[in-house]
């Protein structure tokens, strides 16, 4: 082994040790607990007796929730009722239109039959006159 090869081998081993050392330092740095401080510090909140009247208590809140829930139920029931009525009206109108269309088609077919019969009679008459 030449001197150059020995130097290259030494550099390779040294580089490997440096890489492993850097990885160990990185892992330690990632796992290290650091103290985090929020700045500025949050202020302590003190409720003054006079301010209690400005806020709703638990019972008032629960009553409001109950009232809103009941009212929303009534509103949605009304929406469902109106939607059902409108849907029934639209369905009835479509049935009426379908029946009207069928009547019209039947009248047109009768008129076409009348015209065909008359054309056939006219053609026979013209054949006889020739």
Protein backbone atom coordinates (compact mmCIF):
# COMPACT_ATOMS: atom_id res chain seq x y z
CA UNK A 1 0.00 0.00 0.00
CA UNK A 2 1.41 3.34 -0.96
CA UNK A 3 1.59 6.45 1.15
CA UNK A 4 -1.12 8.04 -0.95
CA UNK A 5 -3.44 5.08 -0.35
CA UNK A 6 -2.76 5.26 3.41
CA UNK A 7 -3.61 8.98 3.42
CA UNK A 8 -6.84 8.36 1.48
CA UNK A 9 -7.83 5.54 3.84
CA UNK A 10 -7.11 7.78 6.83
CA UNK A 11 -9.16 10.62 5.35
CA UNK A 12 -12.06 8.25 4.62
CA UNK A 13 -12.05 6.89 8.20
CA UNK A 14 -11.77 10.42 9.62
CA UNK A 15 -14.67 11.60 7.39
CA UNK A 16 -16.80 8.67 8.54
CA UNK A 17 -16.13 9.46 12.22
CA UNK A 18 -16.94 13.14 11.60
CA UNK A 19 -20.23 12.23 9.88
CA UNK A 20 -21.26 9.88 12.69
CA UNK A 21 -20.32 12.52 15.28
CA UNK A 22 -22.34 15.18 13.44
CA UNK A 23 -25.37 12.86 13.32
CA UNK A 24 -25.10 12.15 17.06
CA UNK A 25 -24.90 15.89 17.80
CA UNK A 26 -27.93 16.53 15.54
CA UNK A 27 -30.00 13.82 17.29
CA UNK A 28 -29.06 15.20 20.71
CA UNK A 29 -29.96 18.74 19.57
CA UNK A 30 -33.35 17.58 18.27
CA UNK A 31 -34.19 15.76 21.50
CA UNK A 32 -33.02 18.55 23.78
CA UNK A 33 -35.86 20.19 25.68
CA UNK A 34 -35.80 23.94 25.38
CA UNK A 35 -37.65 26.35 27.59
CA UNK A 36 -40.08 28.42 25.54
CA UNK A 37 -41.29 31.68 26.93
CA UNK A 38 -44.24 33.56 25.47
CA UNK A 39 -43.59 37.22 25.21
CA UNK A 40 -45.34 39.37 26.26
CA UNK A 41 -46.75 37.38 29.16
CA UNK A 42 -50.55 37.04 29.18
CA UNK A 43 -52.28 39.35 31.59
CA UNK A 44 -54.16 37.88 34.51
CA UNK A 45 -57.88 38.35 34.15
CA UNK A 46 -59.93 39.46 37.14
CA UNK A 47 -63.67 39.74 36.90
CA UNK A 48 -65.07 42.56 38.91
CA UNK A 49 -68.39 42.06 40.71
CA UNK A 50 -70.02 44.86 38.69
CA UNK A 51 -69.15 43.06 35.45
CA UNK A 52 -71.03 39.88 36.40
CA UNK A 53 -74.29 41.56 35.37
CA UNK A 54 -72.98 42.03 31.83
CA UNK A 55 -72.51 38.30 31.25
CA UNK A 56 -75.17 35.61 30.96
CA UNK A 57 -75.21 32.94 33.62
CA UNK A 58 -75.39 29.20 32.86
CA UNK A 59 -79.18 28.99 33.26
CA UNK A 60 -79.79 31.93 30.92
CA UNK A 61 -77.43 30.38 28.37
CA UNK A 62 -79.15 26.98 28.61
CA UNK A 63 -82.57 28.65 28.25
CA UNK A 64 -81.36 30.49 25.15
CA UNK A 65 -79.98 27.28 23.65
CA UNK A 66 -83.26 25.47 24.34
CA UNK A 67 -85.31 28.31 22.81
CA UNK A 68 -83.07 28.50 19.73
CA UNK A 69 -83.21 24.73 19.26
CA UNK A 70 -87.00 24.74 19.46
CA UNK A 71 -87.27 27.72 17.09
CA UNK A 72 -84.90 26.16 14.57
CA UNK A 73 -86.96 22.96 14.74
CA UNK A 74 -90.11 24.97 13.98
CA UNK A 75 -88.45 26.81 11.10
CA UNK A 76 -87.12 23.62 9.52
CA UNK A 77 -90.52 21.91 9.94
CA UNK A 78 -92.14 24.85 8.13
CA UNK A 79 -89.53 24.67 5.37
CA UNK A 80 -90.16 20.92 4.96
CA UNK A 81 -93.95 21.49 4.84
CA UNK A 82 -93.72 24.24 2.21
CA UNK A 83 -91.23 22.24 0.17
CA UNK A 84 -93.51 19.18 0.25
CA UNK A 85 -96.52 21.28 -0.86
CA UNK A 86 -94.54 22.86 -3.71
CA UNK A 87 -93.21 19.50 -4.82
CA UNK A 88 -96.75 18.09 -4.86
CA UNK A 89 -97.96 21.14 -6.84
CA UNK A 90 -95.16 20.69 -9.39
CA UNK A 91 -95.87 16.95 -9.68
CA UNK A 92 -99.58 17.64 -10.22
CA UNK A 93 -98.76 20.24 -12.87
CA UNK A 94 -96.47 17.80 -14.69
CA UNK A 95 -99.22 15.17 -14.67
CA UNK A 96 -101.67 17.75 -16.03
CA UNK A 97 -99.21 18.76 -18.75
CA UNK A 98 -98.63 15.10 -19.65
CA UNK A 99 -102.38 14.48 -19.97
CA UNK A 100 -102.79 17.65 -22.03
CA UNK A 101 -99.92 16.54 -24.30
CA UNK A 102 -101.52 13.10 -24.77
CA UNK A 103 -104.87 14.69 -25.68
CA UNK A 104 -103.16 17.00 -28.17
CA UNK A 105 -101.22 14.12 -29.74
CA UNK A 106 -104.40 12.09 -30.10
CA UNK A 107 -106.17 15.01 -31.82
CA UNK A 108 -103.21 15.49 -34.16
CA UNK A 109 -103.20 11.78 -35.02
CA UNK A 110 -106.93 11.96 -35.82
CA UNK A 111 -106.33 14.99 -38.06
CA UNK A 112 -103.43 13.23 -39.83
CA UNK A 113 -105.60 10.16 -40.35
CA UNK A 114 -108.36 12.36 -41.83
CA UNK A 115 -105.85 14.08 -44.14
CA UNK A 116 -104.35 10.72 -45.26
CA UNK A 117 -107.78 9.31 -45.97
CA UNK A 118 -108.69 12.39 -48.00
CA UNK A 119 -105.38 12.30 -49.91
CA UNK A 120 -105.93 8.61 -50.68
CA UNK A 121 -109.43 9.39 -51.93
CA UNK A 122 -108.12 12.27 -54.08
CA UNK A 123 -105.39 10.00 -55.51
CA UNK A 124 -107.98 7.31 -56.38
CA UNK A 125 -110.20 9.91 -57.99
CA UNK A 126 -107.27 11.20 -60.09
CA UNK A 127 -106.32 7.63 -61.11
CA UNK A 128 -109.91 7.02 -62.24
CA UNK A 129 -110.03 10.26 -64.28
CA UNK A 130 -106.85 9.48 -66.20
